[in-house]
Protein backbone atom coordinates (compact mmCIF):
# COMPACT_ATOMS: atom_id res chain seq x y z
CA MET A 1 147.82 66.25 10.83
CA ARG A 2 149.15 69.46 12.20
CA PHE A 3 147.41 68.68 15.47
CA VAL A 4 149.11 65.31 15.75
CA LYS A 5 152.53 66.89 15.21
CA LYS A 6 151.88 69.42 17.96
CA LEU A 7 150.78 66.66 20.35
CA LEU A 8 153.92 64.64 19.64
CA LEU A 9 156.12 67.68 20.30
CA VAL A 10 154.38 68.30 23.63
CA LEU A 11 154.82 64.68 24.67
CA LEU A 12 158.52 64.76 23.67
CA PHE A 13 159.05 67.97 25.64
CA LEU A 14 157.42 66.43 28.70
CA ALA A 15 159.59 63.30 28.44
CA ILE A 16 162.76 65.39 28.17
CA ALA A 17 161.64 67.46 31.17
CA VAL A 18 161.00 64.35 33.31
CA VAL A 19 164.40 62.81 32.46
CA THR A 20 166.14 66.13 33.16
CA CYS A 21 164.43 66.49 36.56
CA GLN A 22 165.35 62.93 37.53
CA GLY A 23 168.99 63.54 36.59
CA LEU A 24 169.07 66.78 38.53
CA LEU A 25 167.60 65.12 41.60
CA TYR A 26 170.14 62.23 41.39
CA TRP A 27 173.02 64.69 41.13
CA LEU A 28 171.83 66.62 44.16
CA HIS A 29 171.45 63.52 46.37
CA ARG A 30 174.41 61.44 45.18
CA PRO A 31 176.83 59.97 47.89
CA SER A 32 179.94 62.19 48.17
CA LYS A 33 183.55 61.28 49.08
CA ALA A 34 184.45 62.44 52.63
CA THR A 35 187.43 64.79 53.13
CA PRO A 36 190.26 63.80 55.59
CA ARG A 37 188.90 66.27 58.16
CA GLU A 38 185.38 64.83 57.74
CA LYS A 39 186.75 61.32 58.18
CA LYS A 40 188.54 62.41 61.39
CA ASN A 41 185.42 63.99 62.83
CA ALA A 42 183.11 61.19 61.76
CA SER A 43 181.54 59.22 64.57
CA VAL A 44 182.89 55.73 65.17
CA THR A 45 180.50 52.91 65.61
CA PRO A 46 181.30 51.29 68.99
CA LYS A 47 182.59 47.74 68.92
CA PRO A 48 180.22 45.15 70.22
CA VAL A 49 180.96 43.78 73.70
CA VAL A 50 182.60 40.38 73.39
CA ASN A 51 181.69 37.73 75.92
CA GLU A 52 184.75 36.78 78.03
CA LEU A 53 184.12 33.14 77.11
CA ASP A 54 184.32 33.89 73.40
CA PRO A 55 187.66 33.13 71.77
CA ALA A 56 189.81 36.20 71.18
CA PRO A 57 189.96 37.31 67.56
CA ASP A 58 193.14 36.78 65.64
CA ILE A 59 195.31 39.91 65.55
CA THR A 60 198.00 40.47 62.99
CA PRO A 61 200.78 42.43 64.68
CA SER A 62 202.29 45.38 62.91
CA VAL A 63 205.55 45.06 64.91
CA ILE A 64 207.38 41.76 65.32
CA LEU A 65 209.02 41.32 68.74
CA ARG A 66 212.18 39.24 68.87
CA GLU A 67 213.36 37.59 72.10
CA THR A 68 216.93 38.65 72.90
CA GLY A 69 217.39 37.25 76.39
CA LEU A 70 215.57 36.76 79.65
CA ALA A 71 216.29 39.07 82.64
CA THR A 72 217.38 37.35 85.84
CA VAL A 73 215.62 38.65 88.93
CA VAL A 74 217.50 38.06 92.20
CA PRO A 75 215.34 38.50 95.30
CA ILE A 76 216.92 40.64 98.05
CA SER A 77 216.19 39.52 101.56
CA ASP A 78 215.13 42.12 104.12
CA VAL A 79 217.95 43.37 106.34
CA THR A 80 217.04 43.13 110.01
CA VAL A 81 218.49 45.01 112.96
CA SER A 82 219.58 41.73 114.51
CA ASP A 83 221.55 40.78 111.39
CA VAL A 84 223.33 44.13 111.29
CA ALA A 85 224.02 44.17 115.02
CA ALA A 86 225.36 40.61 115.13
CA ALA A 87 228.29 41.52 112.89
CA ALA A 88 228.96 44.94 114.45
CA LEU A 89 228.86 43.79 118.08
CA ALA A 90 232.12 41.92 117.56
CA SER A 91 233.88 45.27 117.07
CA VAL A 92 232.49 46.96 120.23
CA VAL A 93 234.19 46.48 123.62
CA GLN A 94 233.63 47.55 127.22
CA ILE A 95 236.17 49.83 128.90
CA ASN A 96 236.83 49.70 132.65
CA CYS A 97 238.94 52.33 134.40
CA LYS A 98 240.34 52.95 137.83
CA VAL A 99 240.26 56.70 138.27
CA THR A 100 241.54 59.20 140.80
CA ARG A 101 239.10 61.97 141.68
CA THR A 102 239.55 65.17 143.67
CA ASP A 103 236.64 66.44 145.75
CA SER A 104 235.80 70.06 146.53
CA TRP A 105 238.08 69.92 149.60
CA GLY A 106 241.06 68.82 147.53
CA ARG A 107 241.00 65.26 148.89
CA LEU A 108 241.91 62.38 146.54
CA SER A 109 239.74 59.31 146.20
CA GLN A 110 239.83 56.17 144.08
CA GLY A 111 236.87 55.04 142.02
CA ASN A 112 235.78 53.10 138.96
CA ALA A 113 234.43 54.31 135.63
CA GLN A 114 233.10 52.41 132.66
CA GLY A 115 232.38 53.16 129.05
CA SER A 116 232.63 51.66 125.60
CA GLY A 117 235.12 51.47 122.77
CA ILE A 118 235.43 50.55 119.10
CA ILE A 119 238.12 48.25 117.70
CA LEU A 120 239.49 50.73 115.21
CA SER A 121 242.40 49.00 113.50
CA LEU A 122 245.06 46.32 113.61
CA ASP A 123 248.38 47.80 112.48
CA ASP A 124 251.25 45.32 112.29
CA ASP A 125 251.40 43.90 115.82
CA THR A 126 249.26 46.54 117.59
CA LEU A 127 245.50 46.60 118.15
CA TYR A 128 243.89 50.03 118.58
CA VAL A 129 240.63 50.86 120.35
CA ALA A 130 238.94 54.27 120.00
CA THR A 131 236.83 55.85 122.72
CA ASN A 132 235.94 59.22 124.27
CA ASN A 133 238.46 61.21 126.28
CA HIS A 134 235.96 61.66 129.11
CA VAL A 135 235.73 57.86 129.47
CA VAL A 136 239.43 57.46 130.30
CA GLU A 137 240.10 60.87 131.87
CA ASN A 138 242.18 60.62 135.08
CA ALA A 139 242.45 56.85 134.63
CA SER A 140 245.35 55.11 136.34
CA GLU A 141 244.48 51.64 135.00
CA ILE A 142 242.49 50.66 131.93
CA THR A 143 241.18 47.22 130.99
CA VAL A 144 239.14 46.28 127.95
CA THR A 145 236.49 43.55 128.01
CA PHE A 146 236.32 41.74 124.65
CA PRO A 147 233.17 40.14 123.19
CA ASP A 148 234.13 36.75 124.68
CA GLY A 149 234.20 38.29 128.19
CA THR A 150 237.99 38.35 128.61
CA ASP A 151 239.54 41.39 130.32
CA VAL A 152 242.84 42.65 128.87
CA PRO A 153 244.97 45.57 130.18
CA PHE A 154 245.41 48.36 127.60
CA THR A 155 247.75 51.35 127.32
CA LEU A 156 246.41 54.87 126.84
CA ARG A 157 248.20 55.89 123.63
CA GLY A 158 246.90 59.43 123.28
CA VAL A 159 244.02 61.79 124.02
CA ASP A 160 242.50 64.80 122.30
CA ASN A 161 240.63 66.84 124.86
CA ALA A 162 239.30 69.32 122.30
CA GLY A 163 237.69 66.59 120.23
CA ASP A 164 236.78 64.36 123.23
CA LEU A 165 238.69 61.45 121.72
CA ALA A 166 241.20 58.93 123.01
CA ILE A 167 242.95 55.89 121.62
CA LEU A 168 244.10 52.78 123.49
CA SER A 169 246.54 50.13 122.30
CA VAL A 170 247.76 46.63 123.09
CA LYS A 171 250.27 44.29 121.47
CA VAL A 172 248.49 41.44 119.72
CA PHE A 173 250.87 38.83 121.10
CA ASN A 174 249.61 39.77 124.59
CA LEU A 175 246.09 38.68 123.69
CA PRO A 176 244.89 35.16 124.60
CA GLU A 177 244.02 32.94 121.64
CA THR A 178 240.32 32.98 122.54
CA VAL A 179 240.28 36.78 122.37
CA ARG A 180 241.91 36.86 118.94
CA ASN A 181 239.04 34.79 117.55
CA SER A 182 236.29 36.81 119.24
CA TYR A 183 236.67 40.33 117.82
CA GLN A 184 236.52 42.06 114.46
CA VAL A 185 237.94 45.37 113.29
CA ALA A 186 235.06 47.80 112.76
CA LYS A 187 233.89 48.75 109.29
CA LEU A 188 233.91 52.52 108.87
CA ALA A 189 231.51 54.55 106.72
CA LEU A 190 233.88 57.04 105.09
CA THR A 191 232.35 57.57 101.63
CA GLU A 192 228.57 57.92 101.82
CA PRO A 193 227.35 61.05 103.62
CA VAL A 194 225.13 60.67 106.69
CA LYS A 195 221.63 61.97 105.93
CA VAL A 196 218.77 63.08 108.14
CA GLY A 197 216.28 60.23 108.40
CA ASP A 198 218.87 57.43 108.08
CA MET A 199 218.12 54.53 110.41
CA VAL A 200 220.92 53.96 112.93
CA ILE A 201 221.85 51.61 115.77
CA ALA A 202 223.72 52.68 118.92
CA LEU A 203 225.94 50.01 120.50
CA GLY A 204 227.65 50.26 123.88
CA ASN A 205 227.96 49.31 127.53
CA ALA A 206 224.78 51.09 128.65
CA LEU A 207 224.47 51.54 132.44
CA GLU A 208 227.35 49.07 132.89
CA TYR A 209 225.01 46.14 132.15
CA GLY A 210 227.12 44.96 129.23
CA THR A 211 226.96 45.72 125.55
CA SER A 212 223.45 46.40 124.29
CA LEU A 213 221.79 48.26 121.44
CA THR A 214 219.16 50.90 120.79
CA VAL A 215 217.61 51.90 117.47
CA GLY A 216 216.60 55.26 116.05
CA TYR A 217 217.16 57.71 113.23
CA VAL A 218 219.52 60.54 112.39
CA SER A 219 217.78 63.71 113.56
CA ALA A 220 220.38 66.23 112.36
CA THR A 221 223.94 66.42 111.05
CA GLU A 222 226.69 68.90 111.95
CA ARG A 223 224.81 69.98 115.05
CA GLU A 224 227.08 72.40 116.97
CA VAL A 225 227.18 71.38 120.62
CA SER A 226 229.15 73.27 123.29
CA THR A 227 231.06 71.26 125.87
CA GLU A 228 233.50 72.12 128.65
CA SER A 229 236.33 71.63 126.15
CA GLY A 230 234.81 73.72 123.35
CA SER A 231 232.40 73.25 120.47
CA LEU A 232 231.90 70.10 118.42
CA LEU A 233 229.95 69.36 115.24
CA LEU A 234 228.01 66.20 116.03
CA ILE A 235 225.44 63.80 114.61
CA GLN A 236 222.14 64.09 116.47
CA THR A 237 220.06 60.93 116.88
CA ASP A 238 216.97 59.80 118.75
CA ALA A 239 218.55 56.39 119.39
CA ALA A 240 218.91 56.23 123.18
CA ILE A 241 222.47 56.95 124.33
CA ASN A 242 222.74 56.20 128.04
CA PRO A 243 225.60 56.44 130.55
CA GLY A 244 228.18 53.83 129.57
CA ASN A 245 227.37 54.15 125.85
CA SER A 246 230.05 56.82 125.51
CA GLY A 247 232.82 55.67 123.19
CA GLY A 248 230.58 53.05 121.58
CA ALA A 249 229.54 52.82 117.95
CA LEU A 250 226.71 54.48 116.07
CA ILE A 251 226.26 52.33 112.96
CA ASN A 252 224.18 52.44 109.80
CA MET A 253 222.11 49.61 108.36
CA LYS A 254 225.17 48.28 106.55
CA GLY A 255 226.89 47.68 109.88
CA GLU A 256 229.37 50.51 109.26
CA VAL A 257 230.42 52.94 112.00
CA ILE A 258 229.19 56.46 111.22
CA GLY A 259 229.95 57.96 114.62
CA ILE A 260 231.32 57.53 118.14
CA ASN A 261 228.63 57.90 120.81
CA SER A 262 229.54 60.90 122.90
CA ALA A 263 226.79 62.69 124.82
CA LYS A 264 223.10 63.24 125.44
CA TYR A 265 220.89 65.93 126.89
CA THR A 266 219.81 64.94 130.40
CA SER A 267 217.19 67.62 130.97
CA GLU A 268 213.79 66.32 132.04
CA ASP A 269 212.26 68.47 129.30
CA VAL A 270 214.29 66.79 126.52
CA GLU A 271 213.83 63.34 125.04
CA GLY A 272 215.57 61.57 122.20
CA MET A 273 218.54 63.89 121.77
CA GLY A 274 221.78 61.92 121.73
CA PHE A 275 224.97 62.87 119.94
CA ALA A 276 227.86 61.12 118.23
CA ILE A 277 231.17 62.36 116.83
CA PRO A 278 231.16 61.73 113.04
CA ILE A 279 233.71 59.05 112.19
CA THR A 280 234.93 61.16 109.25
CA GLN A 281 235.77 63.91 111.74
CA ALA A 282 237.24 61.57 114.36
CA LEU A 283 239.42 59.34 112.19
CA PRO A 284 242.10 61.93 111.25
CA ILE A 285 242.49 62.79 114.95
CA LEU A 286 242.66 59.14 116.01
CA ASN A 287 245.20 58.29 113.33
CA GLU A 288 247.30 61.22 114.48
CA LEU A 289 247.09 60.12 118.12
CA LYS A 290 248.65 56.80 117.09
CA THR A 291 251.80 58.54 115.91
CA LEU A 292 252.16 61.45 118.33
CA GLU A 293 255.12 61.10 120.64
CA ASP A 294 255.02 61.85 124.34
CA PHE A 295 257.14 64.84 125.40
CA PRO A 296 257.44 67.27 128.31
CA GLU A 297 254.93 70.13 128.35
CA GLU A 298 257.68 72.73 128.07
CA GLU A 299 258.66 71.29 124.66
CA ALA A 300 255.19 71.84 123.18
CA GLY A 301 254.94 73.98 120.04
CA TYR A 302 253.40 77.47 119.84
CA LEU A 303 252.26 79.82 117.06
CA GLY A 304 252.55 83.29 118.60
CA VAL A 305 249.14 84.83 117.86
CA TYR A 306 246.36 86.62 119.72
CA ILE A 307 243.10 84.96 118.79
CA THR A 308 239.35 84.94 119.40
CA ASN A 309 236.39 82.81 118.36
CA VAL A 310 234.36 83.51 115.24
CA THR A 311 230.88 83.89 116.72
CA SER A 312 227.58 82.98 115.09
CA LYS A 313 226.87 86.72 114.73
CA MET A 314 230.12 87.13 112.79
CA ASN A 315 229.08 84.19 110.61
CA ALA A 316 225.79 85.89 109.81
CA ASP A 317 226.98 89.52 109.52
CA PHE A 318 230.18 88.95 107.51
CA ASP A 319 229.61 85.51 106.00
CA TRP A 320 232.76 84.26 107.73
CA PRO A 321 233.48 80.56 108.19
CA SER A 322 233.51 78.98 111.65
CA GLY A 323 236.98 78.96 113.14
CA VAL A 324 239.50 81.09 115.05
CA TYR A 325 240.04 84.75 114.17
CA VAL A 326 243.62 86.09 114.33
CA LYS A 327 243.52 89.48 116.02
CA SER A 328 247.27 90.10 115.85
CA VAL A 329 250.57 88.31 115.22
CA MET A 330 253.58 88.60 117.58
CA GLU A 331 256.80 90.03 116.26
CA GLY A 332 259.42 87.36 115.71
CA SER A 333 256.94 84.52 116.23
CA ALA A 334 256.47 81.30 114.29
CA ALA A 335 253.20 82.68 112.91
CA GLN A 336 254.88 85.82 111.56
CA ALA A 337 257.68 83.82 109.96
CA ALA A 338 255.09 81.67 108.20
CA GLY A 339 253.19 84.70 106.86
CA LEU A 340 250.08 84.48 109.02
CA LEU A 341 248.25 87.84 109.03
CA PRO A 342 245.81 89.70 111.30
CA GLY A 343 242.30 89.07 110.01
CA ASP A 344 243.05 85.49 108.98
CA ILE A 345 240.60 82.82 110.14
CA ILE A 346 242.16 79.47 111.00
CA THR A 347 239.71 76.66 110.21
CA ALA A 348 241.84 73.50 110.49
CA VAL A 349 245.20 72.14 111.67
CA ASN A 350 246.66 69.38 109.48
CA GLY A 351 243.21 68.86 108.00
CA ILE A 352 241.45 68.60 111.40
CA ARG A 353 238.74 71.22 111.86
CA VAL A 354 238.93 73.73 114.69
CA LEU A 355 235.88 75.67 115.84
CA ASP A 356 237.27 77.68 118.76
CA THR A 357 240.42 78.86 120.51
CA GLU A 358 240.52 75.86 122.90
CA GLN A 359 240.59 73.43 120.01
CA LEU A 360 243.27 75.40 118.15
CA SER A 361 245.52 75.55 121.24
CA ALA A 362 245.03 71.82 121.89
CA ARG A 363 245.82 70.93 118.28
CA VAL A 364 248.97 73.05 118.15
CA THR A 365 250.43 72.08 121.53
CA ALA A 366 249.96 68.39 120.68
CA TYR A 367 253.09 68.79 118.52
CA ARG A 368 256.64 69.25 119.71
CA ALA A 369 258.36 72.56 118.95
CA GLY A 370 260.15 72.37 115.61
CA THR A 371 257.34 70.40 113.98
CA ARG A 372 255.97 71.71 110.68
CA ILE A 373 252.16 71.88 110.59
CA LYS A 374 249.70 73.06 107.95
CA LEU A 375 246.99 75.57 108.82
CA SER A 376 243.87 75.91 106.67
CA VAL A 377 243.20 79.65 106.55
CA SER A 378 240.42 81.86 105.21
CA ARG A 379 241.96 85.19 104.14
CA ASP A 380 240.39 88.45 102.96
CA ASN A 381 241.91 89.40 99.57
CA GLY A 382 240.11 92.76 99.36
CA ILE A 383 237.24 91.45 97.25
CA SER A 384 236.25 88.22 98.93
CA ARG A 385 237.71 85.57 101.21
CA GLU A 386 239.89 82.83 99.75
CA ASN A 387 241.06 79.55 101.26
CA ILE A 388 244.82 79.06 101.52
CA VAL A 389 247.23 76.76 103.37
CA VAL A 390 249.97 78.23 105.58
CA THR A 391 252.87 76.01 106.71
CA VAL A 392 254.22 76.89 110.14
CA THR A 393 257.28 75.60 111.99
CA LEU A 394 256.28 75.69 115.65
CA MET A 395 258.41 77.38 118.33
CA GLU A 396 258.99 76.58 121.98
CA ARG A 397 257.10 78.77 124.40
CA ALA A 398 260.35 79.79 126.11
CA LYS A 399 261.60 81.24 122.81
CA MET A 400 258.42 83.17 122.12
CA PRO A 401 258.77 86.97 122.28
CA ASP A 402 255.74 87.14 124.57
CA ASP A 403 253.02 84.86 125.98
CA GLU A 404 250.14 83.96 123.69
């Protein structure tokens, strides 16, 4: 009996041991809940490739898109050179001059000269045409050929030798009816700056063959070019500017005039370097030429200063602006009365830039003595240079204490 009890206890112990081992093994190998990091790092089973012919599965969007209105797309047609030129050509004319020349022996001879012009404005009953001074220099007669081929005599209203500009005029009632319907006043680009790389078109009476065009790009802006009359800040372009183009229009791809064709390098070693006077620089001068009165040379106005050019070395060494340096001021002169000082640098006359002494003298003597003009001046204040405006009442040369 005792043996049976011991056997039962052994069997019970073995049963408990087996159950305990099974429980322990289950606990050790049970599936555990993954942590957020484990979920993030868990490998994703790739989606099976769906055959393109299979219907797309339904997708429930998480964001609902609402239609508010359809955008209207307006196609913009390409602008061609011919389209731009067609409109601008109506504002470009040919200029024909009878000129008197003097040879090296002092003998006079008559000849012809041709160039181009731009129909600048129509003020009341007067039509104005802008061109270069060198086109009409020494001209005794001037006729303008309009786009319809009609020749009309014009009057030389004024010239600016320093800026190589001239303006011609005619009364509208003197124009034939056919001419009035053939031209347009030029559109001027006065707001957007000219940039290097802009495409441009040069219009003018090249080689006296009649008005034609060439195409190129702006190569540089404010390029300082020295001429017989002084220095000018010009637009450089590789659009061909040939003899006869002078005074014609350099236009942008909107058909607006950005410059007046003026010169080119003629060296055999140079190609594609033509120049035009910026219209923003020319317009103030041209508008002034419309209003300037004609008077005897002895009535021209004077400042009473000794002056010299601000050189490029002065620009670099002293950081001075381009202009005309006042070396000294005459006692009792118009300049002294206005408060102009030695060391001042005159940069503009009535808002028109001056780069050298020739330009300053030309600008000043274009006014009659007694006229009040405004000089833009750069003045040293002991710390730096400041820009001021000095108002001067010009004097007659005969009343000056000494010659300038």
